N, C-alpha and C. Protein backbone atom coordinates (compact mmCIF):
# COMPACT_ATOMS: atom_id res chain seq x y z
N UNK A 1 115.43 103.34 107.72
CA UNK A 1 114.98 102.29 108.60
C UNK A 1 112.85 102.42 109.19
N UNK A 2 113.53 103.89 109.39
CA UNK A 2 111.86 104.31 110.04
C UNK A 2 110.71 104.13 110.38
N UNK A 3 110.01 103.05 109.64
CA UNK A 3 108.92 102.16 110.41
C UNK A 3 109.08 101.02 110.82
N UNK A 4 110.66 100.91 110.15
CA UNK A 4 111.09 99.33 110.26
C UNK A 4 111.60 99.07 111.68
N UNK A 5 111.96 100.69 112.31
CA UNK A 5 113.08 100.81 113.68
C UNK A 5 111.17 100.77 114.69
N UNK A 6 110.41 101.31 114.62
CA UNK A 6 108.95 101.01 115.41
C UNK A 6 108.68 100.15 115.21
N UNK A 7 108.65 99.51 114.59
CA UNK A 7 107.69 98.03 114.92
C UNK A 7 109.10 97.42 115.51
N UNK A 8 110.37 97.23 115.53
CA UNK A 8 111.46 96.93 115.83
C UNK A 8 111.54 97.06 117.24
N UNK A 9 111.14 97.62 118.00
CA UNK A 9 111.58 98.67 119.45
C UNK A 9 109.94 98.68 120.05
N UNK A 10 108.80 97.75 119.18
CA UNK A 10 107.52 98.75 120.03
C UNK A 10 107.26 97.82 121.21
N UNK A 11 106.54 98.28 121.96
CA UNK A 11 105.59 97.87 123.10
C UNK A 11 104.70 96.79 122.62
N UNK A 12 104.26 97.10 121.91
CA UNK A 12 103.02 95.82 121.62
C UNK A 12 102.55 96.27 119.98
N UNK A 13 102.40 94.98 119.32
CA UNK A 13 101.54 95.23 118.05
C UNK A 13 100.27 94.48 118.46
N UNK A 14 99.52 95.26 117.69
CA UNK A 14 97.90 94.77 117.87
C UNK A 14 98.25 94.52 115.80
N UNK A 15 97.31 92.92 115.42
CA UNK A 15 96.98 92.68 114.25
C UNK A 15 95.38 92.58 113.98
N UNK A 16 94.95 92.75 112.51
CA UNK A 16 94.01 92.67 112.98
C UNK A 16 94.00 92.42 111.23
N UNK A 17 93.63 90.40 110.35
CA UNK A 17 93.34 90.50 109.43
C UNK A 17 92.30 89.59 108.99
N UNK A 18 91.09 89.64 109.49
CA UNK A 18 89.91 88.89 109.75
C UNK A 18 89.10 89.40 108.46
N UNK A 19 88.45 88.54 107.86
CA UNK A 19 87.54 88.81 106.87
C UNK A 19 86.18 89.87 107.68
N UNK A 20 85.36 90.49 106.47
CA UNK A 20 85.23 91.61 106.67
C UNK A 20 83.08 90.60 106.74
N UNK A 21 82.62 90.35 108.08
CA UNK A 21 81.45 89.49 107.91
C UNK A 21 80.74 90.94 108.57
N UNK A 22 79.12 90.94 108.04
CA UNK A 22 78.10 91.47 108.24
C UNK A 22 76.59 90.16 109.52
N UNK A 23 76.75 90.83 110.64
CA UNK A 23 75.29 89.82 110.88
C UNK A 23 74.11 91.04 111.33
N UNK A 24 73.20 89.95 111.43
CA UNK A 24 72.07 89.98 111.62
C UNK A 24 70.77 90.07 111.68
N UNK A 25 70.22 90.50 113.12
CA UNK A 25 69.30 89.34 113.87
C UNK A 25 67.78 89.36 113.38
N UNK A 26 67.08 88.68 112.64
CA UNK A 26 66.24 88.75 112.69
C UNK A 26 64.98 89.04 113.64
N UNK A 27 63.40 89.16 113.30
CA UNK A 27 62.30 89.75 114.16
C UNK A 27 62.30 88.60 115.11
N UNK A 28 62.60 87.36 114.57
CA UNK A 28 62.56 85.77 115.30
C UNK A 28 63.86 85.44 116.10
N UNK A 29 64.83 85.94 116.75
CA UNK A 29 65.66 86.38 117.08
C UNK A 29 67.00 85.18 116.13
N UNK A 30 66.48 85.22 114.87
CA UNK A 30 67.64 83.67 114.66
C UNK A 30 68.96 85.15 113.82
N UNK A 31 69.92 84.57 114.07
CA UNK A 31 70.97 85.01 113.69
C UNK A 31 71.35 85.10 112.40
N UNK A 32 71.60 86.19 110.94
CA UNK A 32 71.66 86.04 109.50
C UNK A 32 73.40 86.61 109.53
N UNK A 33 73.81 85.70 108.24
CA UNK A 33 75.90 86.45 108.78
C UNK A 33 75.62 85.67 106.94
N UNK A 34 76.76 87.06 106.86
CA UNK A 34 76.91 87.60 104.97
C UNK A 34 78.59 87.43 105.33
N UNK A 35 79.50 86.97 104.32
CA UNK A 35 80.61 87.97 103.80
C UNK A 35 80.75 88.67 103.17
N UNK A 36 81.70 89.30 103.05
CA UNK A 36 81.70 90.37 101.83
C UNK A 36 83.08 89.97 101.34
N UNK A 37 82.61 89.74 99.91
CA UNK A 37 84.18 89.72 99.38
C UNK A 37 85.67 91.14 98.94
N UNK A 38 86.52 91.00 100.30
CA UNK A 38 87.23 92.12 99.91
C UNK A 38 88.61 91.72 100.25
N UNK A 39 89.76 92.30 99.99
CA UNK A 39 90.90 92.23 99.98
C UNK A 39 91.76 91.70 101.50
N UNK A 40 90.47 92.11 102.29
CA UNK A 40 91.18 91.69 103.73
C UNK A 40 92.59 92.40 104.36
N UNK A 41 92.62 94.10 103.66
CA UNK A 41 94.38 94.46 104.15
C UNK A 41 94.65 93.90 105.54
N UNK A 42 96.11 93.54 105.81
CA UNK A 42 96.52 94.00 106.96
C UNK A 42 96.71 95.14 107.46
N UNK A 43 96.40 95.42 108.44
CA UNK A 43 96.21 96.48 109.44
C UNK A 43 96.81 95.90 111.05
N UNK A 44 98.06 96.82 110.85
CA UNK A 44 98.84 96.84 112.22
C UNK A 44 98.65 97.93 112.65
N UNK A 45 98.56 98.04 114.45
CA UNK A 45 98.38 99.29 115.64
C UNK A 45 99.32 98.83 116.11
N UNK A 46 100.44 100.01 116.45
CA UNK A 46 102.46 100.00 116.84
C UNK A 46 102.22 100.32 118.03
N UNK A 47 102.12 100.10 119.34
CA UNK A 47 102.61 101.20 120.15
C UNK A 47 104.29 101.38 120.76
N UNK A 48 104.15 102.74 120.60
CA UNK A 48 105.96 102.71 120.06
C UNK A 48 106.68 103.18 121.18
N UNK A 49 107.81 102.63 121.56
CA UNK A 49 108.40 102.53 122.39
C UNK A 49 109.21 103.72 123.24
N UNK A 50 108.09 104.46 123.95
CA UNK A 50 108.27 105.68 124.93
C UNK A 50 110.46 105.61 125.75
N UNK A 51 110.66 106.88 126.08
CA UNK A 51 112.22 107.08 126.25
C UNK A 51 112.93 107.07 125.33
N UNK A 52 113.22 107.40 124.14
CA UNK A 52 114.33 106.77 123.36
C UNK A 52 114.60 108.29 123.90
N UNK A 53 116.34 108.45 123.32
CA UNK A 53 117.31 109.51 123.34
C UNK A 53 117.20 109.64 122.68
N UNK A 54 116.22 111.25 121.83
CA UNK A 54 116.89 111.81 121.20
C UNK A 54 117.26 112.16 120.02
N UNK A 55 118.52 112.14 121.13
CA UNK A 55 119.79 112.46 119.86
C UNK A 55 119.78 111.34 119.27
N UNK A 56 119.92 110.23 119.39
CA UNK A 56 120.60 108.91 118.52
C UNK A 56 119.54 108.57 117.74
N UNK A 57 117.95 109.14 117.88
CA UNK A 57 116.90 108.86 116.97
C UNK A 57 116.46 110.25 116.08
N UNK A 58 116.85 110.81 116.14
CA UNK A 58 116.36 112.03 115.75
C UNK A 58 116.88 111.97 114.01
N UNK A 59 117.56 111.18 113.28
CA UNK A 59 117.33 110.83 112.08
C UNK A 59 116.17 109.73 111.71
N UNK A 60 116.39 108.57 112.31
CA UNK A 60 114.59 108.07 112.63
C UNK A 60 113.37 108.08 112.62
N UNK A 61 112.94 109.39 113.00
CA UNK A 61 112.58 110.10 113.51
C UNK A 61 112.07 111.44 112.37
N UNK A 62 112.86 111.46 111.63
CA UNK A 62 112.93 112.84 110.04
C UNK A 62 112.36 112.01 109.28
N UNK A 63 112.76 110.60 109.40
CA UNK A 63 112.41 109.90 108.24
C UNK A 63 111.04 109.30 107.94
N UNK A 64 110.47 109.62 109.47
CA UNK A 64 109.32 109.26 109.51
C UNK A 64 108.50 109.97 109.26
N UNK A 65 109.11 111.07 109.41
CA UNK A 65 108.71 112.94 109.17
C UNK A 65 108.18 112.81 107.18
N UNK A 66 109.16 112.59 106.55
CA UNK A 66 109.59 112.13 105.28
C UNK A 66 107.75 111.50 104.83
N UNK A 67 108.21 110.45 105.53
CA UNK A 67 107.11 109.05 104.36
C UNK A 67 105.90 109.94 105.11
N UNK A 68 105.48 110.13 106.45
CA UNK A 68 104.22 110.95 107.05
C UNK A 68 103.11 109.63 106.39
N UNK A 69 101.99 109.90 106.20
CA UNK A 69 100.81 109.20 105.75
C UNK A 69 100.98 108.83 104.22
N UNK A 70 101.64 109.16 103.77
CA UNK A 70 101.59 109.99 102.42
C UNK A 70 102.79 108.11 101.44
N UNK A 71 103.65 108.08 101.73
CA UNK A 71 104.33 107.50 101.66
C UNK A 71 104.46 105.40 102.06
N UNK A 72 104.03 104.43 100.98
CA UNK A 72 104.17 103.50 102.27
C UNK A 72 105.25 102.60 101.90
N UNK A 73 105.90 101.78 102.56
CA UNK A 73 106.63 100.87 103.00
C UNK A 73 107.20 99.87 103.67
N UNK A 74 107.79 99.30 103.12
CA UNK A 74 108.36 97.55 103.48
C UNK A 74 108.53 97.64 104.53
N UNK A 75 108.15 96.38 104.89
CA UNK A 75 108.10 95.94 106.57
C UNK A 75 108.16 94.66 106.83
N UNK A 76 109.31 94.34 107.29
CA UNK A 76 109.29 92.78 107.81
C UNK A 76 109.51 92.34 109.60
N UNK A 77 109.66 91.13 109.71
CA UNK A 77 109.10 90.23 110.72
C UNK A 77 110.70 89.81 110.85
N UNK A 78 111.80 90.09 110.12
CA UNK A 78 112.82 89.10 110.14
C UNK A 78 114.21 88.67 110.58
N UNK A 79 113.77 90.15 111.70
CA UNK A 79 114.68 90.28 112.60
C UNK A 79 114.57 89.58 113.91
N UNK A 80 115.42 89.38 114.68
CA UNK A 80 115.85 88.71 116.35
C UNK A 80 114.77 88.76 117.16
N UNK A 81 113.88 90.33 117.24
CA UNK A 81 112.51 90.91 117.81
C UNK A 81 111.33 89.92 117.68
N UNK A 82 111.37 90.02 116.58
CA UNK A 82 109.76 89.58 115.72
C UNK A 82 109.94 88.26 114.82
N UNK A 83 111.12 87.84 114.44
CA UNK A 83 110.57 86.61 113.94
C UNK A 83 110.29 85.65 114.04
N UNK A 84 109.61 85.62 115.40
CA UNK A 84 108.87 84.59 115.86
C UNK A 84 107.01 85.07 115.35
N UNK A 85 106.85 85.84 114.09
CA UNK A 85 105.35 86.08 114.13
C UNK A 85 105.12 85.50 113.19
N UNK A 86 106.12 85.41 111.97
CA UNK A 86 105.75 84.83 110.62
C UNK A 86 106.57 83.56 110.41
N UNK A 87 107.30 83.21 111.85
CA UNK A 87 108.63 82.10 111.14
C UNK A 87 107.49 80.81 110.93
N UNK A 88 108.34 80.21 109.51
CA UNK A 88 107.42 78.94 109.10
C UNK A 88 108.12 77.76 110.08
N UNK A 89 106.41 77.01 110.23
CA UNK A 89 106.87 76.61 111.48
C UNK A 89 105.86 74.75 110.41
N UNK A 90 106.94 74.49 109.13
CA UNK A 90 106.26 73.41 108.52
C UNK A 90 107.56 72.33 108.35
N UNK A 91 107.31 71.70 107.88
CA UNK A 91 108.50 71.15 108.14
C UNK A 91 109.98 70.85 107.20
N UNK A 92 110.17 71.71 106.34
CA UNK A 92 110.34 70.77 105.00
C UNK A 92 111.78 72.17 106.07
N UNK A 93 112.74 72.07 104.82
CA UNK A 93 114.28 72.51 105.73
C UNK A 93 114.01 74.26 104.56
N UNK A 94 114.48 75.31 105.44
CA UNK A 94 114.40 76.34 104.82
C UNK A 94 114.64 76.37 103.26
N UNK A 95 115.95 75.84 102.66
CA UNK A 95 116.04 76.03 101.04
C UNK A 95 114.84 75.15 100.38
N UNK A 96 113.84 74.33 101.09
CA UNK A 96 113.34 73.19 100.32
C UNK A 96 112.16 74.56 100.61
N UNK A 97 111.64 74.87 101.41
CA UNK A 97 110.62 76.00 101.61
C UNK A 97 111.05 76.86 100.79
N UNK A 98 111.92 77.90 100.71
CA UNK A 98 112.18 78.94 99.22
C UNK A 98 112.18 78.70 98.88
N UNK A 99 111.87 77.52 97.84
CA UNK A 99 112.45 76.57 96.38
C UNK A 99 110.67 76.36 96.32
N UNK A 100 109.34 76.89 97.09
CA UNK A 100 108.26 75.95 96.65
C UNK A 100 108.01 77.39 95.59
N UNK A 101 106.99 76.61 94.83
CA UNK A 101 106.86 77.46 93.39
C UNK A 101 104.75 77.81 93.07
N UNK A 102 104.32 78.58 92.73
CA UNK A 102 103.31 78.57 92.40
C UNK A 102 102.64 77.85 91.37
N UNK A 103 102.10 76.67 91.56
CA UNK A 103 102.55 76.11 90.34
C UNK A 103 101.38 76.47 89.46
N UNK A 104 100.42 76.96 89.50
CA UNK A 104 98.99 77.25 88.18
C UNK A 104 99.19 79.19 88.84
N UNK A 105 98.42 79.58 87.53
CA UNK A 105 97.67 80.68 88.04
C UNK A 105 96.46 80.56 88.86
N UNK A 106 95.92 80.79 89.94
CA UNK A 106 94.52 80.28 90.50
C UNK A 106 93.74 81.44 89.31
N UNK A 107 92.45 80.97 89.36
CA UNK A 107 90.95 82.14 89.23
C UNK A 107 91.26 83.28 89.36
N UNK A 108 90.49 84.37 89.07
CA UNK A 108 90.22 85.36 89.75
C UNK A 108 89.64 85.47 91.27
N UNK A 109 89.71 85.83 92.47
CA UNK A 109 89.34 85.97 93.75
C UNK A 109 89.17 84.26 94.18
N UNK A 110 90.17 84.03 93.76
CA UNK A 110 90.40 82.42 94.48
C UNK A 110 90.98 82.54 95.89
N UNK A 111 90.80 81.99 96.02
CA UNK A 111 91.67 81.00 97.81
C UNK A 111 92.25 80.26 98.16
N UNK A 112 91.99 79.21 96.60
CA UNK A 112 92.82 78.22 97.41
C UNK A 112 93.95 77.99 95.56
N UNK A 113 95.65 78.05 96.67
CA UNK A 113 96.57 77.81 95.81
C UNK A 113 97.13 76.91 95.21
N UNK A 114 97.54 76.51 93.66
CA UNK A 114 98.23 74.49 94.08
C UNK A 114 100.06 75.07 94.10
N UNK A 115 100.85 74.72 94.78
CA UNK A 115 102.02 74.97 95.22
C UNK A 115 102.84 73.80 94.86
N UNK A 116 104.31 73.72 94.07
CA UNK A 116 104.63 72.68 93.32
C UNK A 116 105.54 72.97 93.77
N UNK A 117 106.57 71.86 93.24
CA UNK A 117 108.09 72.31 93.48
C UNK A 117 108.65 71.84 94.82
N UNK A 118 107.83 70.30 95.11
CA UNK A 118 108.07 69.68 96.57
C UNK A 118 109.17 68.75 96.90
N UNK A 119 110.24 68.52 97.63
CA UNK A 119 110.39 68.40 98.08
C UNK A 119 110.48 67.01 97.55
N UNK A 120 111.13 66.42 97.12
CA UNK A 120 111.07 64.22 97.02
C UNK A 120 111.47 63.83 98.21
N UNK A 121 109.84 63.13 97.80
CA UNK A 121 109.79 61.72 99.43
C UNK A 121 111.50 60.86 99.37
N UNK A 122 111.80 60.72 100.78
CA UNK A 122 113.05 60.11 100.86
C UNK A 122 114.20 61.19 100.57
N UNK A 123 113.80 62.18 100.81
CA UNK A 123 115.44 62.71 100.77
C UNK A 123 115.73 63.47 101.84
N UNK A 124 116.72 63.46 102.00
CA UNK A 124 117.32 63.66 103.85
C UNK A 124 117.26 65.29 103.85
N UNK A 125 116.69 66.11 104.70
CA UNK A 125 117.14 67.05 104.58
C UNK A 125 117.75 68.12 106.13
N UNK A 126 117.32 68.22 107.06
CA UNK A 126 118.52 69.20 108.31
C UNK A 126 117.26 68.65 108.96
N UNK A 127 115.85 68.77 108.70
CA UNK A 127 114.65 68.06 110.08
C UNK A 127 114.47 66.43 109.83
N UNK A 128 114.92 66.16 108.79
CA UNK A 128 114.84 64.21 109.26
C UNK A 128 114.45 63.53 107.72
N UNK A 129 113.70 62.75 107.53
CA UNK A 129 113.62 62.70 106.42
C UNK A 129 111.75 63.10 106.05
N UNK A 130 111.96 63.54 104.00
CA UNK A 130 110.40 63.91 103.95
C UNK A 130 109.93 62.77 103.49
N UNK A 131 108.39 62.75 103.98
CA UNK A 131 107.71 61.63 104.12
C UNK A 131 106.42 62.37 103.21
N UNK A 132 105.42 61.70 103.09
CA UNK A 132 104.29 61.94 102.62
C UNK A 132 103.42 62.59 103.47
N UNK A 133 104.24 62.08 104.72
CA UNK A 133 102.95 62.86 106.21
C UNK A 133 103.84 63.84 106.44
N UNK A 134 105.17 64.51 105.47
CA UNK A 134 105.69 65.78 106.53
C UNK A 134 104.93 66.59 106.30
N UNK A 135 104.76 67.85 107.21
CA UNK A 135 103.72 68.80 106.90
C UNK A 135 104.40 70.35 105.83
N UNK A 136 103.63 70.33 105.00
CA UNK A 136 104.13 71.51 103.95
C UNK A 136 104.10 72.73 104.53
N UNK A 137 102.65 73.00 104.80
CA UNK A 137 102.91 74.36 105.63
C UNK A 137 101.93 73.52 107.13
N UNK A 138 102.20 74.34 107.71
CA UNK A 138 101.28 73.96 109.20
C UNK A 138 100.27 75.55 109.39
N UNK A 139 99.22 74.80 109.90
CA UNK A 139 98.32 76.52 109.85
C UNK A 139 98.77 77.92 110.33
N UNK A 140 98.75 78.60 109.79
CA UNK A 140 98.73 80.17 110.19
C UNK A 140 99.87 80.47 109.74
N UNK A 141 100.73 79.58 109.18
CA UNK A 141 102.12 79.81 107.84
C UNK A 141 101.73 81.00 107.19
N UNK A 142 103.17 81.81 107.31
CA UNK A 142 102.37 82.58 105.74
C UNK A 142 102.99 82.26 104.72
N UNK A 143 102.78 82.58 103.53
CA UNK A 143 103.62 82.28 101.85
C UNK A 143 103.68 84.09 101.99
N UNK A 144 104.22 84.72 100.09
CA UNK A 144 103.43 85.65 99.66
C UNK A 144 103.77 85.34 98.44
N UNK A 145 103.00 86.32 97.66
CA UNK A 145 102.73 85.86 96.10
C UNK A 145 102.80 87.33 95.37
N UNK A 146 103.79 87.85 94.90
CA UNK A 146 103.46 89.17 94.31
C UNK A 146 104.34 89.90 95.49
N UNK A 147 103.96 90.90 96.24
CA UNK A 147 103.94 91.82 97.07
C UNK A 147 102.94 91.71 98.36
N UNK A 148 102.43 90.36 98.12
CA UNK A 148 101.24 90.52 99.23
C UNK A 148 101.32 89.23 99.96
N UNK A 149 101.31 89.67 101.14
CA UNK A 149 101.27 88.48 102.38
C UNK A 149 100.26 87.30 102.87
N UNK A 150 100.28 85.91 102.23
CA UNK A 150 98.98 85.25 103.16
C UNK A 150 99.19 84.41 104.05
N UNK A 151 98.19 84.14 105.20
CA UNK A 151 98.13 83.35 106.16
C UNK A 151 97.60 82.02 105.82
N UNK A 152 98.41 80.80 105.64
CA UNK A 152 97.80 79.44 105.16
C UNK A 152 96.48 78.83 106.65
N UNK A 153 95.26 78.59 106.28
CA UNK A 153 94.10 78.03 107.07
C UNK A 153 94.09 76.63 107.44
N UNK A 154 95.46 76.02 107.16
CA UNK A 154 94.72 74.67 107.55
C UNK A 154 95.92 73.82 107.21
N UNK A 155 96.36 72.84 107.81
CA UNK A 155 97.81 72.38 108.34
C UNK A 155 97.79 71.49 106.77
N UNK A 156 99.11 71.40 106.64
CA UNK A 156 99.16 70.43 104.16
C UNK A 156 99.46 69.62 104.32
N UNK A 157 99.63 68.68 104.10
CA UNK A 157 101.53 67.45 104.40
C UNK A 157 101.71 67.75 103.08
N UNK A 158 102.66 66.61 102.46
CA UNK A 158 103.49 66.90 101.94
C UNK A 158 102.55 66.09 100.78
N UNK A 159 102.35 64.58 101.15
CA UNK A 159 101.07 63.48 99.95
C UNK A 159 102.03 62.85 99.43
N UNK A 160 101.69 62.49 97.86
CA UNK A 160 102.38 61.76 97.17
C UNK A 160 102.38 62.17 95.94
N UNK A 161 101.89 63.25 95.59
CA UNK A 161 101.35 63.87 94.87
C UNK A 161 102.76 64.89 93.92
N UNK A 162 102.98 65.32 93.46
CA UNK A 162 104.01 66.31 92.61
C UNK A 162 103.78 67.85 92.91
N UNK A 163 102.00 68.18 93.38
CA UNK A 163 101.55 69.42 93.57
C UNK A 163 100.75 69.65 95.76
N UNK A 164 100.03 70.62 95.72
CA UNK A 164 99.36 70.11 96.70
C UNK A 164 98.42 71.00 97.05
N UNK A 165 97.48 71.27 97.49
CA UNK A 165 96.10 73.16 97.48
C UNK A 165 96.29 73.30 98.66
N UNK A 166 96.76 74.86 98.67
CA UNK A 166 97.06 75.70 99.79
C UNK A 166 95.14 76.68 100.29
N UNK A 167 94.83 76.50 100.78
CA UNK A 167 93.66 77.43 101.10
C UNK A 167 94.46 78.36 101.93
N UNK A 168 94.40 79.91 101.43
CA UNK A 168 94.56 80.88 102.35
C UNK A 168 93.04 81.89 102.44
N UNK A 169 93.95 82.56 103.86
CA UNK A 169 92.66 83.61 104.44
C UNK A 169 92.27 84.60 103.93
N UNK A 170 92.83 84.73 102.37
CA UNK A 170 91.77 85.47 101.85
C UNK A 170 91.78 85.54 100.25
N UNK A 171 91.06 86.58 99.45
CA UNK A 171 91.95 85.73 97.54
C UNK A 171 93.10 86.34 97.29
N UNK A 172 93.38 85.93 96.88
CA UNK A 172 94.83 86.39 95.44
C UNK A 172 94.69 87.41 95.17
N UNK A 173 95.14 88.43 95.49
CA UNK A 173 95.29 90.02 95.00
C UNK A 173 95.66 89.91 93.63
N UNK A 174 95.15 90.26 93.03
CA UNK A 174 95.72 91.18 91.43
C UNK A 174 96.06 90.23 90.12
N UNK A 175 96.78 90.71 89.61
CA UNK A 175 96.79 89.57 88.70
C UNK A 175 98.54 89.00 89.02
N UNK A 176 98.32 87.27 88.99
CA UNK A 176 99.42 86.92 89.60
C UNK A 176 100.12 86.21 88.36
N UNK A 177 101.44 86.26 88.65
CA UNK A 177 102.26 84.70 87.72
C UNK A 177 102.92 83.14 88.33
N UNK A 178 102.62 81.76 87.45
CA UNK A 178 103.44 81.29 88.16
C UNK A 178 105.05 81.32 88.39
N UNK A 179 105.60 80.64 89.28
CA UNK A 179 107.18 80.67 89.84
C UNK A 179 107.41 80.68 91.54
N UNK A 180 108.48 80.81 91.11
CA UNK A 180 109.09 80.79 92.67
C UNK A 180 107.95 82.01 93.59
N UNK A 181 107.65 81.46 94.62
CA UNK A 181 106.95 82.15 96.18
C UNK A 181 108.05 83.39 95.84
N UNK A 182 106.64 84.26 96.44
CA UNK A 182 107.93 85.78 96.62
C UNK A 182 108.61 85.28 98.26
N UNK A 183 108.32 84.77 98.30
CA UNK A 183 108.70 84.60 100.56
C UNK A 183 107.06 82.94 101.05
N UNK A 184 108.18 82.57 102.41
CA UNK A 184 107.98 81.45 103.03
C UNK A 184 108.24 82.01 104.40
N UNK A 185 107.24 81.89 105.11
CA UNK A 185 107.45 82.74 106.70
C UNK A 185 107.81 83.52 106.87
N UNK A 186 109.51 83.70 107.89
CA UNK A 186 110.05 85.19 108.11
C UNK A 186 110.83 85.76 106.56
N UNK A 187 110.76 84.96 105.02
CA UNK A 187 110.95 85.89 104.44
C UNK A 187 109.95 86.68 104.01
N UNK A 188 108.59 86.72 104.13
CA UNK A 188 107.81 87.12 104.10
C UNK A 188 107.46 89.13 104.36
N UNK A 189 107.24 89.50 103.41
CA UNK A 189 106.97 90.84 103.85
C UNK A 189 105.43 91.93 103.73
N UNK A 190 105.52 92.78 104.23
CA UNK A 190 104.34 93.88 104.20
C UNK A 190 103.78 95.19 103.46
N UNK A 191 103.56 95.43 102.67
CA UNK A 191 103.86 97.12 102.29
C UNK A 191 102.93 97.57 103.09
N UNK A 192 103.12 98.37 103.75
CA UNK A 192 102.09 99.25 104.79
C UNK A 192 102.29 100.56 104.22
N UNK A 193 101.28 101.17 104.88
CA UNK A 193 100.98 102.95 104.24
C UNK A 193 100.56 103.35 106.21
N UNK A 194 101.04 104.63 106.42
CA UNK A 194 100.62 104.96 108.00
C UNK A 194 99.20 105.77 108.03
N UNK A 195 98.42 104.89 108.46
CA UNK A 195 97.39 105.42 108.56
C UNK A 195 97.27 107.02 109.46
N UNK A 196 97.93 106.68 110.33
CA UNK A 196 97.48 107.02 111.83
C UNK A 196 99.54 107.13 112.26
N UNK A 197 100.03 108.63 112.10
CA UNK A 197 101.46 109.09 112.59
C UNK A 197 101.62 110.16 113.85
N UNK A 198 101.47 110.00 115.25
CA UNK A 198 101.47 110.07 116.27
C UNK A 198 102.46 111.01 116.26
N UNK A 199 102.12 112.30 116.80
CA UNK A 199 103.12 113.53 117.33
C UNK A 199 104.38 112.99 118.19
N UNK A 200 105.17 113.46 119.13
CA UNK A 200 105.95 113.21 119.96
C UNK A 200 105.84 114.33 120.94
N UNK A 201 106.51 114.52 122.26
CA UNK A 201 106.66 115.30 123.17
C UNK A 201 108.84 115.27 123.74
N UNK A 202 108.93 116.08 123.86
CA UNK A 202 110.32 116.13 124.12
C UNK A 202 111.20 116.14 125.40
N UNK A 203 110.89 115.37 126.51
CA UNK A 203 111.52 115.44 127.82
C UNK A 203 113.06 115.76 128.22
N UNK A 204 113.46 117.18 128.58
CA UNK A 204 114.98 117.33 128.43
C UNK A 204 115.12 116.48 129.59
N UNK A 205 116.38 116.12 129.37
CA UNK A 205 117.76 115.95 130.25
C UNK A 205 118.84 116.41 129.98
N UNK A 206 120.23 115.54 130.98
CA UNK A 206 121.36 116.05 130.50
C UNK A 206 121.61 116.50 128.93
N UNK A 207 121.94 117.08 128.16
CA UNK A 207 122.54 116.45 126.82
C UNK A 207 121.49 116.33 125.47
N UNK A 208 120.62 116.45 126.25
CA UNK A 208 119.37 115.67 125.08
C UNK A 208 117.99 115.95 126.08
N UNK A 209 117.53 114.86 125.06
CA UNK A 209 115.71 114.92 125.98
C UNK A 209 115.28 113.59 124.86
N UNK A 210 114.33 112.09 126.10
CA UNK A 210 113.36 111.76 125.95
C UNK A 210 112.44 111.92 125.46
N UNK A 211 112.48 110.48 124.24
CA UNK A 211 111.23 111.10 122.90
C UNK A 211 110.12 110.12 123.85
N UNK A 212 108.22 111.40 124.12
CA UNK A 212 107.09 110.38 124.34
C UNK A 212 106.52 110.53 123.37
N UNK A 213 105.77 109.58 122.64
CA UNK A 213 104.73 109.60 122.00
C UNK A 213 102.89 109.67 122.41
N UNK A 214 103.00 110.53 122.11
CA UNK A 214 101.26 110.83 121.43
C UNK A 214 100.41 110.13 121.67
N UNK A 215 100.76 109.01 120.92
CA UNK A 215 99.57 107.89 120.27
C UNK A 215 99.96 107.03 120.06
N UNK A 216 99.02 105.67 119.08
CA UNK A 216 100.23 104.79 118.55
C UNK A 216 100.53 105.10 117.03
N UNK A 217 101.00 104.53 116.08
CA UNK A 217 101.16 104.33 114.63
C UNK A 217 100.33 103.16 114.64
N UNK A 218 99.84 103.58 113.26
CA UNK A 218 98.29 102.77 113.17
C UNK A 218 99.04 102.41 110.87
N UNK A 219 98.96 101.32 111.13
CA UNK A 219 99.17 100.93 109.59
C UNK A 219 98.59 99.67 108.99
N UNK A 220 97.99 100.28 107.35
CA UNK A 220 97.29 99.51 106.74
C UNK A 220 97.87 98.48 105.34
N UNK A 221 97.48 97.86 105.33
CA UNK A 221 98.10 97.98 103.96
C UNK A 221 98.33 98.21 102.51
N UNK A 222 98.92 98.45 102.07
CA UNK A 222 98.46 99.40 100.95
C UNK A 222 98.44 97.79 99.32
N UNK A 223 96.69 97.97 98.83
CA UNK A 223 96.69 97.68 97.96
C UNK A 223 96.91 98.03 97.24
N UNK A 224 96.79 97.88 96.04
CA UNK A 224 97.19 98.77 94.67
C UNK A 224 97.00 97.49 93.15
N UNK A 225 96.89 96.43 93.69
CA UNK A 225 96.00 95.55 92.41
C UNK A 225 94.53 95.26 92.45
């Protein structure tokens, strides 16, 4: 578990997934804005839980030492304590959402994708009747293409067509193929590398010690595409 355990029992998680934007103020006081095309990697600052009982977490600490700042690990938010973070908020059933596909291969650096294999209008699911006005994706919903997870920037309705256009918060990374989406909602994963691993202090107690971390864990998405 290691890094996954740190997420699961964290005291707080700071999230950064915003685009790189530069601002410049002219002599006349006018603001000029420019967006720089980047992969917008996910960045998480995790405040670890202090007062873990060392004899019970020694194996976790060892795995953290093994991975250190060198080896990336796949992190999920599907557990009971964290699944609210990327839970699907659209109107499809879980089976319908998991069957969605990337219908066509997007152009290089595209932020708009075409999603297909939509549930038929009139199909009755756990959430009721599917209609053209059923929400396919709510703003802020997550979907995964390959090993990378993306956020949907605006609400998308089912519509009456065979596909829908979905705008993502960042360009599609690397070379992708058409087919079933790798994940929707809590099924999405994050391929992260620790850029900062704090040390720890052991505060002795009866038959063991409490672990006190000396800082936060910082994770950044490992972009390989």
